[in-house]
Protein backbone atom coordinates (compact mmCIF):
# COMPACT_ATOMS: atom_id res chain seq x y z
CA PRO A 1 0.00 -0.07 0.05
CA GLU A 2 1.00 3.65 -0.36
CA GLY A 3 3.31 4.56 2.46
CA GLU A 4 4.15 1.36 3.37
CA VAL A 5 7.87 0.50 3.68
CA LYS A 6 9.12 -2.12 1.40
CA TYR A 7 12.47 -3.88 2.30
CA SER A 8 14.43 -5.25 -0.56
CA HIS A 9 16.80 -8.05 0.10
CA PHE A 10 15.81 -8.04 4.01
CA ASN A 11 17.67 -11.24 5.81
CA ALA A 12 15.99 -11.84 9.19
CA ASN A 13 18.98 -13.57 10.64
CA LYS A 14 21.52 -11.41 9.58
CA ASP A 15 19.31 -7.77 9.65
CA THR A 16 18.19 -8.26 12.96
CA ILE A 17 19.59 -9.34 16.56
CA PHE A 18 18.20 -12.82 15.99
CA ASP A 19 21.68 -14.28 15.84
CA GLU A 20 22.14 -12.92 19.79
CA VAL A 21 19.15 -14.60 20.46
CA TRP A 22 20.56 -17.88 19.12
CA GLN A 23 23.72 -17.67 20.89
CA ASN A 24 21.88 -16.90 23.75
CA MET A 25 19.93 -20.14 23.25
CA LEU A 26 23.51 -21.91 23.31
CA TRP A 27 24.83 -20.62 26.60
CA THR A 28 21.87 -21.19 28.61
CA SER A 29 22.25 -25.00 28.54
CA ASN A 30 23.12 -27.31 30.72
CA GLY A 31 26.69 -29.06 30.41
CA ASP A 32 24.66 -32.26 29.12
CA PHE A 33 23.23 -29.73 26.37
CA THR A 34 19.47 -30.14 28.09
CA TYR A 35 18.16 -26.72 29.46
CA PRO A 36 17.59 -25.91 33.31
CA PRO A 37 13.94 -26.45 34.26
CA ILE A 38 13.06 -22.97 34.55
CA ALA A 39 9.04 -22.06 34.01
CA ASP A 40 7.59 -24.45 31.82
CA THR A 41 10.69 -26.16 30.48
CA TYR A 42 10.98 -29.80 30.72
CA ALA A 43 13.58 -31.21 32.25
CA VAL A 44 15.02 -32.99 29.29
CA THR A 45 14.11 -29.92 26.81
CA TYR A 46 17.28 -29.43 24.49
CA LEU A 47 17.63 -28.07 20.89
CA SER A 48 15.82 -30.11 18.25
CA THR A 49 18.07 -31.52 15.16
CA THR A 50 16.07 -29.24 12.82
CA PHE A 51 16.98 -26.13 15.03
CA LEU A 52 20.70 -27.49 14.69
CA ASP A 53 20.65 -27.65 11.15
CA TYR A 54 19.31 -24.35 10.35
CA LEU A 55 21.94 -22.57 13.01
CA LEU A 56 24.29 -23.89 10.72
CA MET A 57 22.86 -22.71 7.63
CA ALA A 58 21.98 -19.24 8.72
CA TYR A 59 24.83 -18.14 10.95
CA ASN A 60 28.14 -20.87 10.77
CA THR A 61 30.10 -19.17 13.42
CA SER A 62 32.74 -20.66 15.14
CA THR A 63 31.08 -20.95 18.54
CA ILE A 64 27.69 -22.26 16.98
CA ARG A 65 29.41 -24.58 14.52
CA SER A 66 31.29 -25.97 17.50
CA TYR A 67 28.17 -26.55 19.46
CA VAL A 68 26.41 -28.09 16.56
CA LYS A 69 29.08 -30.00 15.29
CA GLU A 70 29.44 -31.79 18.60
CA LYS A 71 25.70 -32.27 19.47
CA MET A 72 25.33 -33.82 16.26
CA ALA A 73 28.49 -35.88 15.45
CA THR A 74 26.47 -38.89 16.55
CA VAL A 75 22.74 -37.85 15.64
CA SER A 76 21.09 -39.08 11.94
CA PRO A 77 19.68 -36.05 9.87
CA LEU A 78 15.98 -35.42 9.84
CA ASN A 79 14.27 -34.47 6.51
CA ASP A 80 14.62 -30.96 6.94
CA ALA A 81 18.57 -31.56 6.71
CA MET A 82 17.79 -31.39 3.07
CA PHE A 83 16.66 -27.87 3.17
CA TYR A 84 19.55 -26.50 5.86
CA ARG A 85 22.42 -28.85 5.69
CA ASP A 86 25.65 -27.93 3.77
CA PRO A 87 26.82 -31.46 2.58
CA SER A 88 30.29 -30.44 2.86
CA ILE A 89 30.30 -29.91 6.11
CA ASN A 90 32.33 -32.39 8.59
CA LEU A 91 30.47 -33.69 11.43
CA SER A 92 33.06 -35.89 12.60
CA ASP A 93 35.54 -32.86 12.98
CA TYR A 94 35.02 -30.30 15.80
CA ASP A 95 36.44 -28.45 18.80
CA SER A 96 34.66 -29.37 22.19
CA PHE A 97 31.76 -26.39 23.16
CA ASN A 98 32.92 -24.46 26.20
CA PHE A 99 29.66 -23.71 28.06
CA PRO A 100 30.49 -20.35 30.04
CA ASP A 101 29.81 -18.49 33.32
CA VAL A 102 27.56 -15.98 31.88
CA VAL A 103 24.74 -13.47 33.35
CA PHE A 104 22.42 -11.71 31.54
CA PRO A 105 21.31 -8.41 32.92
CA TYR A 106 18.36 -7.89 31.05
CA LEU A 107 16.90 -11.33 31.60
CA SER A 108 18.04 -11.33 35.34
CA GLN A 109 19.72 -14.72 35.39
CA GLY A 110 23.01 -15.77 35.92
CA PHE A 111 24.74 -19.34 35.41
CA LEU A 112 27.66 -20.70 37.10
CA ARG A 113 29.57 -24.06 35.62
CA THR A 114 32.44 -26.22 37.24
CA GLY A 115 34.66 -28.75 35.23
CA GLU A 116 36.35 -28.67 31.88
CA TYR A 117 34.31 -26.86 29.12
CA GLY A 118 31.40 -25.95 31.87
CA ARG A 119 30.33 -29.67 31.72
CA LYS A 120 30.25 -30.65 35.36
CA SER A 121 27.66 -28.82 36.94
CA THR A 122 25.11 -25.54 36.16
CA VAL A 123 23.72 -23.28 38.84
CA VAL A 124 21.32 -20.94 37.66
CA LEU A 125 20.11 -18.12 40.13
CA ASP A 126 16.69 -16.42 38.28
CA ALA A 127 15.56 -12.73 39.10
CA SER A 128 13.74 -12.44 36.21
CA ASN A 129 10.48 -10.60 36.32
CA TYR A 130 6.67 -12.44 35.88
CA GLY A 131 5.38 -12.92 32.97
CA ASN A 132 4.23 -15.19 30.34
CA HIS A 133 5.36 -18.80 31.49
CA HIS A 134 6.89 -17.53 34.44
CA HIS A 135 6.28 -18.52 37.80
CA ILE A 136 6.32 -16.77 41.44
CA ASP A 137 9.81 -17.61 41.79
CA SER A 138 12.04 -14.55 42.25
CA LEU A 139 15.77 -15.45 43.55
CA ASN A 140 14.88 -19.17 42.75
CA ILE A 141 17.81 -21.26 42.30
CA VAL A 142 18.19 -24.67 40.24
CA TYR A 143 21.35 -26.82 40.25
CA LYS A 144 22.32 -29.90 38.43
CA LYS A 145 25.92 -31.38 38.77
CA ASP A 146 27.11 -34.66 37.46
CA GLY A 147 23.92 -35.33 35.43
CA ARG A 148 21.90 -35.23 38.30
CA GLU A 149 19.05 -32.39 39.36
CA LEU A 150 20.03 -31.59 43.18
CA LEU A 151 17.79 -28.72 42.98
CA SER A 152 14.83 -29.11 41.12
CA ASP A 153 12.15 -26.24 39.90
CA LEU A 154 8.66 -28.58 40.10
CA GLY A 155 7.13 -26.03 38.37
CA TYR A 156 8.21 -26.94 35.07
CA LEU A 157 5.30 -29.87 35.84
CA TRP A 158 3.30 -27.95 33.38
CA ASP A 159 0.68 -30.37 32.75
CA HIS A 160 0.19 -31.34 36.31
CA VAL A 161 -3.44 -31.68 37.73
CA ASN A 162 -2.58 -29.00 40.08
CA HIS A 163 -0.75 -27.02 37.44
CA SER A 164 -1.92 -23.86 39.40
CA ILE A 165 -0.13 -24.76 42.19
CA THR A 166 3.08 -25.58 40.58
CA THR A 167 3.54 -22.20 39.70
CA ASN A 168 3.14 -21.09 43.67
CA THR A 169 6.63 -19.45 45.44
CA ASN A 170 7.01 -22.43 47.95
CA ILE A 171 7.20 -24.94 45.23
CA HIS A 172 10.67 -23.28 44.23
CA ASN A 173 14.07 -23.32 45.89
CA THR A 174 13.73 -19.63 47.33
CA VAL A 175 12.13 -17.71 50.68
CA PHE A 176 8.66 -17.93 51.64
CA ILE A 177 7.56 -15.25 53.76
CA ASP A 178 4.36 -15.73 55.97
CA HIS A 179 3.07 -18.54 53.63
CA GLN A 180 2.07 -16.05 50.94
CA ASN A 181 3.22 -16.09 47.09
CA GLN A 182 5.43 -13.26 45.89
CA ILE A 183 4.04 -10.37 44.02
CA THR A 184 3.83 -10.59 40.31
CA LYS A 185 4.15 -7.15 39.33
CA LEU A 186 7.23 -4.70 39.48
CA ARG A 187 9.34 -7.49 41.40
CA ASN A 188 12.25 -5.55 39.45
CA GLY A 189 14.87 -8.45 40.40
CA SER A 190 18.05 -7.15 39.10
CA PHE A 191 22.07 -8.39 39.58
CA HIS A 192 24.68 -6.37 41.48
CA LEU A 193 27.57 -8.77 41.37
CA PHE A 194 28.85 -11.57 39.16
CA GLN A 195 32.87 -12.27 39.48
CA THR A 196 34.37 -15.37 38.05
CA HIS A 197 37.90 -15.87 38.75
CA GLY A 198 39.63 -19.19 38.85
CA GLY A 199 38.08 -21.89 41.69
CA VAL A 200 35.90 -19.12 43.35
CA LYS A 201 32.78 -17.64 41.66
CA VAL A 202 30.13 -15.42 42.84
CA MET A 203 26.77 -14.01 41.87
CA GLU A 204 24.12 -11.88 43.70
CA ALA A 205 20.70 -10.48 42.91
CA SER A 206 18.15 -8.62 44.61
CA SER A 207 14.25 -8.46 44.25
CA ASN A 208 11.36 -6.48 45.08
CA ALA A 209 9.23 -9.88 45.52
CA TYR A 210 7.67 -9.23 48.68
CA LYS A 211 6.25 -5.73 49.63
CA ILE A 212 6.81 -6.47 53.30
CA ALA A 213 10.61 -7.12 52.40
CA ASP A 214 12.85 -4.25 52.58
CA ILE A 215 15.63 -6.66 51.95
CA TYR A 216 15.24 -9.73 49.47
CA ASP A 217 18.48 -10.53 48.38
CA ARG A 218 20.57 -13.53 47.39
CA THR A 219 24.43 -14.59 46.92
CA ILE A 220 25.85 -17.74 45.29
CA VAL A 221 29.60 -18.59 46.06
CA GLN A 222 30.63 -21.56 44.10
CA ILE A 223 33.56 -23.40 45.19
CA GLU A 224 35.92 -25.61 43.05
CA HIS A 225 38.73 -27.56 44.23
CA LYS A 226 40.96 -30.37 44.33
CA SER A 227 39.99 -33.31 41.98
CA GLY A 228 37.30 -31.21 40.41
CA LYS A 229 34.94 -31.42 43.43
CA SER A 230 33.19 -28.30 44.21
CA TYR A 231 30.09 -26.81 46.58
CA LEU A 232 27.79 -24.22 46.90
CA VAL A 233 27.83 -21.42 49.79
CA ASP A 234 23.92 -20.09 49.51
CA ILE A 235 23.62 -16.54 51.28
CA PHE A 236 20.04 -15.54 51.20
CA ARG A 237 18.96 -11.93 53.34
CA CYS A 238 15.51 -10.96 53.54
CA SER A 239 13.75 -9.04 56.00
CA GLY A 240 9.58 -8.63 57.20
CA GLY A 241 6.78 -10.85 58.11
CA LYS A 242 6.42 -12.85 60.77
CA THR A 243 7.81 -16.36 59.43
CA ARG A 244 10.78 -16.50 56.61
CA GLU A 245 10.76 -20.24 55.15
CA TYR A 246 14.07 -21.21 53.20
CA VAL A 247 12.51 -24.04 50.73
CA PHE A 248 14.31 -26.33 48.76
CA HIS A 249 13.15 -29.27 46.79
């Protein structure tokens, strides 16, 4: 129509920040390529073969190439590969993908890892705001180590008969005040500290999750020591209310 803007030779992959979205999709994986069970995500959710083939076609950067090649080295291609995959790519030759320690200030989520290439463990501190598919779980943490969920988010059981209950604050690994759910508006969760040096790493975030709590913040310190062993120090500071429950699942 007259007056409308027409885009010529527009590439949604290259002319937008879509590449950053995909980059973040790789960086938020656990070391076993699954995703942490945050909100409605299954504990076994991962990028499908279709998406991996698409990524190689659209971007083919060294980081994406490393991730895709390693994930697909032993996977048979789907029919979609006929349209997506470059037949010259050698999937048997790849560098190991490195899962980084990373914080996303806009999303208010932080990830700390242990082990070679970040494969041994992942702890996630989530201070994100409430929204679509989010739960009432500000400053929740989930922790996966040696292939096992040590701290789980029961909220990912989205098809549970009591779905409305699985989103509640006490179903998550956070502090529950006066047996009441956190507020869902203007929680304004944010990170104040994120340092990763050698065997000691730390991240800290705060939230306005309870109107009665002037202080509601959490510090996670990860200590990695000899023989690849590690542990977490969890410091939760909060005020207000008559009861404050430190809940774990």
